[in-house]
Protein backbone atom coordinates (compact mmCIF):
# COMPACT_ATOMS: atom_id res chain seq x y z
CA MET A 1 160.48 24.44 174.46
CA THR A 2 160.75 21.64 172.04
CA GLN A 3 163.69 19.63 171.59
CA GLY A 4 164.62 16.59 169.14
CA ALA A 5 166.00 13.45 170.56
CA ARG A 6 169.01 14.82 169.88
CA GLY A 7 169.18 18.14 171.64
CA THR A 8 168.17 20.49 168.28
CA PRO A 9 165.40 22.47 168.36
CA MET A 10 162.89 21.79 166.17
CA GLN A 11 160.30 24.40 164.24
CA ASN A 12 156.59 23.40 164.50
CA SER A 13 153.47 25.32 165.39
CA PHE A 14 152.33 23.18 168.31
CA ASP A 15 153.12 24.89 171.32
CA ILE A 16 152.90 23.87 175.05
CA GLN A 17 152.09 26.80 175.93
CA THR A 18 149.30 27.72 174.15
CA ALA A 19 147.52 24.43 173.30
CA LYS A 20 144.37 23.54 174.33
CA VAL A 21 144.12 20.05 173.07
CA ALA A 22 140.66 17.84 172.33
CA VAL A 23 141.50 14.14 172.49
CA MET A 24 138.06 12.97 170.93
CA MET A 25 137.15 9.34 171.45
CA GLY A 26 133.89 7.21 172.26
CA GLY A 27 131.87 8.40 168.77
CA ASP A 28 129.06 6.20 167.77
CA SER A 29 130.61 3.21 165.63
CA ALA A 30 131.04 -0.16 166.01
CA GLU A 31 134.19 0.76 167.92
CA ARG A 32 133.12 3.02 170.56
CA ASP A 33 134.34 0.59 173.68
CA ILE A 34 137.82 0.54 171.87
CA SER A 35 137.56 4.21 171.17
CA LEU A 36 137.41 4.89 174.73
CA MET A 37 140.02 2.92 176.19
CA SER A 38 142.50 4.48 173.60
CA GLY A 39 141.86 8.25 174.42
CA LYS A 40 142.04 7.56 177.93
CA ALA A 41 144.66 6.69 177.68
CA VAL A 42 146.23 9.25 175.05
CA LEU A 43 144.65 11.80 177.79
CA HIS A 44 146.29 10.42 180.44
CA ALA A 45 149.27 10.50 178.25
CA LEU A 46 149.35 14.57 177.23
CA THR A 47 148.36 15.59 180.68
CA ALA A 48 151.10 14.03 182.10
CA LYS A 49 153.39 15.67 179.32
CA GLY A 50 152.00 18.65 180.73
CA VAL A 51 149.64 19.39 177.33
CA ASN A 52 146.47 21.17 178.41
CA ALA A 53 144.17 18.44 177.38
CA HIS A 54 140.70 17.14 177.42
CA ALA A 55 138.39 14.36 176.46
CA PHE A 56 135.60 15.07 174.10
CA ASP A 57 132.88 12.50 173.09
CA PRO A 58 131.44 13.61 169.47
CA SER A 59 128.40 11.80 170.36
CA HIS A 60 127.90 13.16 173.30
CA THR A 61 129.15 17.15 172.69
CA ALA A 62 128.24 19.04 169.36
CA LEU A 63 131.20 19.34 167.05
CA GLU A 64 130.34 23.35 167.50
CA GLN A 65 132.21 22.95 170.89
CA ILE A 66 135.28 22.45 169.51
CA ARG A 67 135.54 25.86 167.90
CA ILE A 68 133.36 27.29 170.94
CA GLN A 69 135.75 26.33 173.51
CA GLU A 70 138.82 27.16 171.73
CA PHE A 71 140.60 24.42 171.52
CA THR A 72 143.64 24.90 169.03
CA HIS A 73 144.27 20.81 168.16
CA VAL A 74 142.38 17.64 167.97
CA PHE A 75 144.12 14.23 168.98
CA ILE A 76 141.92 11.92 166.82
CA ALA A 77 141.13 8.60 168.67
CA LEU A 78 138.53 7.68 167.52
CA HIS A 79 138.02 4.25 165.62
CA GLY A 80 135.98 3.05 162.66
CA ARG A 81 133.12 5.01 160.96
CA HIS A 82 132.32 8.89 161.46
CA GLY A 83 135.96 9.04 163.24
CA GLU A 84 138.99 7.39 160.93
CA ASP A 85 136.39 7.60 157.47
CA GLY A 86 137.20 11.51 156.86
CA THR A 87 133.72 12.64 158.52
CA ILE A 88 135.54 14.05 161.12
CA GLN A 89 138.54 15.18 159.34
CA GLY A 90 136.23 17.19 156.91
CA ALA A 91 134.58 18.88 159.69
CA LEU A 92 137.74 20.30 161.52
CA GLU A 93 139.10 21.14 158.07
CA LEU A 94 136.03 23.65 157.94
CA MET A 95 137.36 24.93 161.26
CA ALA A 96 140.78 24.95 160.30
CA ILE A 97 142.16 23.36 163.00
CA PRO A 98 144.74 21.02 163.14
CA TYR A 99 144.20 17.35 163.99
CA THR A 100 146.49 14.28 164.07
CA GLY A 101 146.86 11.40 160.94
CA SER A 102 145.40 11.14 157.80
CA GLY A 103 143.42 13.98 156.11
CA VAL A 104 139.51 13.57 153.96
CA LEU A 105 140.30 11.79 151.35
CA ALA A 106 143.21 9.21 152.82
CA SER A 107 141.10 8.17 155.54
CA ALA A 108 137.95 7.97 153.58
CA ILE A 109 139.59 5.80 151.42
CA ALA A 110 141.79 3.67 153.97
CA MET A 111 138.38 2.73 155.67
CA ASP A 112 136.94 1.12 152.55
CA LYS A 113 138.96 -1.64 152.43
CA HIS A 114 137.49 -2.43 148.61
CA MET A 115 138.83 1.17 147.33
CA THR A 116 141.79 0.35 149.35
CA LYS A 117 143.02 -2.97 147.40
CA GLN A 118 142.05 -0.98 143.88
CA ILE A 119 144.58 1.18 144.86
CA TRP A 120 147.36 -0.76 146.01
CA THR A 121 146.65 -3.10 143.10
CA SER A 122 147.27 -0.41 140.90
CA LYS A 123 150.52 0.55 142.16
CA GLY A 124 151.80 -3.50 141.80
CA LEU A 125 151.47 -3.90 146.14
CA ALA A 126 150.34 -7.33 147.15
CA THR A 127 147.06 -7.62 148.23
CA PRO A 128 144.68 -10.82 148.56
CA HIS A 129 142.86 -11.78 145.54
CA SER A 130 139.19 -10.44 146.57
CA VAL A 131 134.87 -10.48 145.41
CA TYR A 132 133.15 -7.49 146.41
CA LEU A 133 129.58 -7.21 145.92
CA LYS A 134 126.97 -4.56 146.30
CA PRO A 135 123.98 -5.02 147.58
CA HIS A 136 122.09 -5.80 144.71
CA GLU A 137 124.50 -8.22 143.61
CA GLN A 138 124.44 -10.26 146.65
CA THR A 139 121.82 -13.18 145.32
CA SER A 140 122.16 -17.08 146.38
CA ALA A 141 123.27 -17.78 142.98
CA ARG A 142 125.92 -14.91 143.31
CA ILE A 143 127.03 -15.70 146.49
CA LYS A 144 127.90 -19.65 145.71
CA GLN A 145 129.51 -17.83 142.67
CA ILE A 146 132.59 -16.88 145.03
CA ILE A 147 134.13 -20.31 145.75
CA ASP A 148 134.52 -20.89 141.83
CA GLU A 149 136.70 -17.64 141.92
CA ILE A 150 137.99 -17.56 145.23
CA GLU A 151 139.30 -20.89 146.47
CA LEU A 152 138.19 -22.13 149.94
CA PRO A 153 139.46 -21.03 153.10
CA LEU A 154 138.06 -17.48 152.39
CA ILE A 155 137.72 -14.59 154.54
CA VAL A 156 134.54 -12.93 154.52
CA LYS A 157 134.27 -9.20 155.77
CA PRO A 158 132.26 -6.01 155.98
CA PRO A 159 134.70 -3.47 153.69
CA ARG A 160 134.00 -0.41 156.56
CA GLU A 161 134.28 -2.06 160.03
CA GLY A 162 137.77 -2.29 161.81
CA SER A 163 139.06 -4.24 164.89
CA SER A 164 138.41 -7.88 163.26
CA ILE A 165 134.11 -6.82 163.30
CA GLY A 166 131.76 -8.68 161.50
CA ILE A 167 134.82 -11.15 159.90
CA THR A 168 134.37 -14.91 159.26
CA LYS A 169 136.57 -17.27 158.04
CA VAL A 170 134.86 -19.81 155.44
CA GLU A 171 136.91 -23.25 155.68
CA ARG A 172 133.26 -25.22 154.06
CA ALA A 173 130.89 -23.82 151.52
CA GLY A 174 127.69 -24.48 153.35
CA ASP A 175 129.40 -21.97 155.88
CA LEU A 176 129.18 -19.15 153.57
CA GLU A 177 126.02 -18.10 153.23
CA ARG A 178 125.67 -17.72 157.60
CA ALA A 179 129.46 -15.54 157.43
CA VAL A 180 127.80 -12.87 154.53
CA LYS A 181 124.90 -12.59 157.05
CA GLU A 182 127.36 -12.18 159.68
CA ALA A 183 129.29 -9.36 157.56
CA ILE A 184 126.19 -6.85 156.02
CA LYS A 185 124.55 -6.57 159.76
CA PHE A 186 127.40 -4.22 159.75
CA ASP A 187 127.96 -2.81 156.23
CA PRO A 188 125.50 -3.37 153.37
CA GLU A 189 128.18 -4.30 150.88
CA LEU A 190 130.58 -7.19 150.87
CA LEU A 191 134.18 -8.28 150.71
CA CYS A 192 135.65 -11.49 150.33
CA GLU A 193 139.34 -12.33 149.56
CA SER A 194 141.73 -15.23 149.37
CA PHE A 195 142.26 -16.37 153.07
CA ILE A 196 146.46 -16.41 152.99
CA GLU A 197 147.91 -19.29 155.29
CA GLY A 198 150.62 -18.22 157.61
CA PRO A 199 152.04 -15.62 160.23
CA GLU A 200 149.83 -12.56 160.78
CA VAL A 201 152.38 -8.95 161.10
CA THR A 202 151.46 -5.53 161.47
CA CYS A 203 154.19 -2.41 161.05
CA PRO A 204 153.37 0.82 162.64
CA ILE A 205 154.13 3.49 160.09
CA ILE A 206 155.13 7.26 161.76
CA GLY A 207 155.53 10.69 159.72
CA ALA A 208 154.33 11.55 156.32
CA GLY A 209 156.21 11.95 152.45
CA PRO A 210 159.67 12.02 152.67
CA SER A 211 159.82 11.86 156.51
CA ALA A 212 157.72 8.62 157.23
CA ALA A 213 159.40 5.76 158.53
CA CYS A 214 158.38 2.44 159.71
CA LEU A 215 158.77 0.96 163.72
CA PRO A 216 159.37 -2.50 164.41
CA VAL A 217 157.18 -5.39 162.61
CA ILE A 218 155.07 -7.59 165.43
CA ARG A 219 154.40 -10.91 164.50
CA ILE A 220 151.14 -11.54 165.81
CA VAL A 221 150.19 -15.57 167.52
CA ALA A 222 146.65 -15.93 168.29
CA PRO A 223 144.92 -18.92 169.69
CA GLY A 224 143.48 -21.41 166.67
CA GLY A 225 144.83 -17.86 164.89
CA ALA A 226 141.83 -16.47 166.27
CA TYR A 227 143.03 -12.90 166.07
CA ASP A 228 139.37 -11.93 166.94
CA TYR A 229 137.84 -8.88 168.58
CA ASN A 230 137.48 -10.48 171.80
CA ASN A 231 141.13 -11.85 171.70
CA LYS A 232 142.25 -8.19 170.41
CA TYR A 233 141.28 -6.27 173.29
CA PHE A 234 139.84 -8.44 176.06
CA THR A 235 142.23 -11.48 176.99
CA ASP A 236 145.88 -12.13 177.55
CA ASP A 237 146.08 -15.35 175.18
CA VAL A 238 147.46 -13.45 172.08
CA LYS A 239 151.46 -13.59 172.09
CA TYR A 240 153.12 -10.65 170.22
CA HIS A 241 156.45 -10.74 169.43
CA CYS A 242 158.71 -7.61 168.65
CA PRO A 243 161.23 -8.33 167.68
CA SER A 244 159.45 -10.72 165.55
CA GLY A 245 161.69 -13.62 165.04
CA LEU A 246 161.63 -13.17 161.31
CA SER A 247 164.30 -13.06 159.29
CA HIS A 248 166.35 -9.65 158.63
CA SER A 249 165.26 -9.44 154.89
CA LEU A 250 161.51 -10.30 155.40
CA GLU A 251 161.33 -7.71 158.11
CA LYS A 252 163.11 -5.28 155.68
CA GLU A 253 160.57 -6.36 152.67
CA ILE A 254 157.36 -5.83 155.09
CA GLN A 255 158.27 -2.57 156.26
CA GLU A 256 159.20 -1.64 152.74
CA LEU A 257 155.73 -2.88 151.86
CA ALA A 258 153.87 -1.23 154.50
CA LEU A 259 155.47 2.30 153.91
CA ASN A 260 154.38 2.02 150.08
CA ALA A 261 151.17 1.36 150.69
CA TYR A 262 150.49 4.08 153.48
CA LEU A 263 152.28 6.63 151.03
CA ALA A 264 150.05 5.17 148.10
CA LEU A 265 147.07 6.03 149.96
CA GLY A 266 148.42 9.75 150.46
CA CYS A 267 148.63 8.68 154.52
CA ARG A 268 149.95 11.12 157.01
CA GLY A 269 150.78 11.54 160.36
CA TRP A 270 150.89 7.80 161.27
CA GLY A 271 149.27 4.15 160.79
CA ARG A 272 149.53 0.91 160.93
CA ALA A 273 148.97 -1.66 158.17
CA ASP A 274 147.93 -5.37 159.14
CA LEU A 275 149.53 -7.87 156.57
CA MET A 276 149.97 -11.58 156.17
CA ILE A 277 152.96 -13.82 155.28
CA ARG A 278 152.54 -16.38 152.67
CA GLU A 279 153.86 -19.52 154.36
CA ARG A 280 154.98 -21.73 151.20
CA ASP A 281 157.60 -18.91 149.95
CA SER A 282 157.49 -16.06 152.84
CA LYS A 283 155.59 -13.86 150.38
CA PRO A 284 153.77 -10.91 152.57
CA PHE A 285 150.38 -9.38 151.56
CA LEU A 286 148.75 -6.21 153.09
CA LEU A 287 144.92 -6.80 154.22
CA GLU A 288 144.34 -3.26 155.27
CA MET A 289 145.57 -0.02 156.49
CA ASN A 290 144.61 1.35 159.78
CA THR A 291 144.75 5.27 160.10
CA SER A 292 143.61 5.84 163.46
CA PRO A 293 145.13 3.36 165.13
CA GLY A 294 144.45 1.52 168.59
CA MET A 295 146.34 3.11 171.85
CA THR A 296 144.55 0.94 174.31
CA SER A 297 146.94 -1.18 176.89
CA HIS A 298 146.98 -4.26 174.30
CA SER A 299 147.59 -1.69 171.18
CA LEU A 300 150.16 -2.37 168.50
CA VAL A 301 151.66 0.60 167.70
CA PRO A 302 152.39 1.62 171.22
CA MET A 303 154.22 -1.76 171.95
CA SER A 304 156.19 -1.25 168.65
CA ALA A 305 157.32 1.88 169.63
CA LYS A 306 158.70 0.74 173.20
CA ALA A 307 160.77 -1.56 171.18
CA VAL A 308 162.63 1.47 169.72
CA GLY A 309 162.69 2.83 173.19
CA ILE A 310 160.21 5.27 172.39
CA SER A 311 157.60 5.52 175.66
CA PHE A 312 153.75 5.60 175.39
CA GLU A 313 153.73 9.40 176.20
CA ASP A 314 156.65 10.49 173.43
CA LEU A 315 155.18 8.18 171.27
CA CYS A 316 151.51 10.33 171.64
CA LEU A 317 153.17 13.67 172.20
CA ASN A 318 154.90 13.26 168.35
CA ILE A 319 151.73 12.62 167.23
CA LEU A 320 150.29 15.28 168.60
CA THR A 321 152.98 17.76 167.50
CA ASN A 322 152.36 16.78 163.56
CA ALA A 323 148.89 17.66 163.85
CA THR A 324 147.73 19.71 160.75
CA THR A 325 145.00 19.84 158.49
CA ASP A 326 144.99 19.15 154.39
CA ALA A 327 144.82 22.94 153.82
CA ASN A 328 148.44 22.93 155.66
CA ASN A 329 150.05 20.20 155.32
CA SER A 330 153.07 21.60 153.56
CA ARG A 331 154.77 22.51 156.58
CA GLN A 332 157.30 20.19 156.44
CA SER A 333 156.37 16.73 159.08
CA LEU A 334 158.48 15.92 162.36
CA SER A 335 160.53 12.59 161.45
CA LEU A 336 160.79 9.68 163.60
CA LYS A 337 164.15 10.14 164.20
CA ASP A 338 163.52 13.05 165.87
CA VAL A 339 160.90 11.79 168.39
CA THR A 340 160.01 14.63 170.82
CA THR A 341 159.64 15.65 174.55
CA VAL A 342 158.61 18.86 175.77
CA GLU A 343 159.47 20.42 178.69
CA SER A 344 156.38 21.20 180.86
CA ALA A 345 155.86 24.97 181.65
CA ALA A 346 156.83 24.38 185.22
């Protein structure tokens, strides 16, 4: 039986008595190691809640085994390409198996930072000015022109990677070409954007459509401002502030911007918007939307949820109970106000 936080019974298609859940983890992206960490944490949490959940690594097991082994739901704990970009979502759509997170189109768009920024800009949502170059445009002469279009310092990044992989902050003109070479190791296309001087924050969102709501904002303080791959996952040097310590009005402004960004992309289930706050005027700017955020011991969505009394286990279960497909997403999503707990059969 599924109960709401206030004891109100809820109607949804997830039945703990009959569900068999594949927790997809690993994969073949540059974020494989992080995905394995996330997936194992999610698997443990769901099992602790009495869910019949099993690890499933699509780089080791053919996807057709999802159907052959009669899995009824999929919790996607994959990060990056072939997991967060709409490809796995498309395969599960063809199998008509409900999965967690955003659908095919929203996942594909959110994975591409250039396409994401175009949509946000069209909606009037603040995001740093950028220059996007396809492979044939990446001549030495064109790359040098970037500094005329974007003042230093600037950020160079692969547009379709996550976890800060391939990202470089360029403070001197002589370092630009080296930063470009680093980025195109991971993506043939290139995105350069203005560096926003100020605090970095992140804001998780849970739900879909009218029921979507933001969790508390987290303010991130990294050593030397280097919130990179290593500091994100393998050190304890980064300080996370939740409550954020920001003014009430600024926190609300960030949450509103993050929610609008989430809805503009058509996201559902859950996500996490990363932003920078411009120090000189406290204006927030959107950087990217993560549609399959990390669920490791260093991850931010669980941290934000914990700040409002939502355990990691309940968070995972809530995300799972909202699993759906593009073809069946007309059913009402559970509200964040009704974070679920599930009584095991025992």
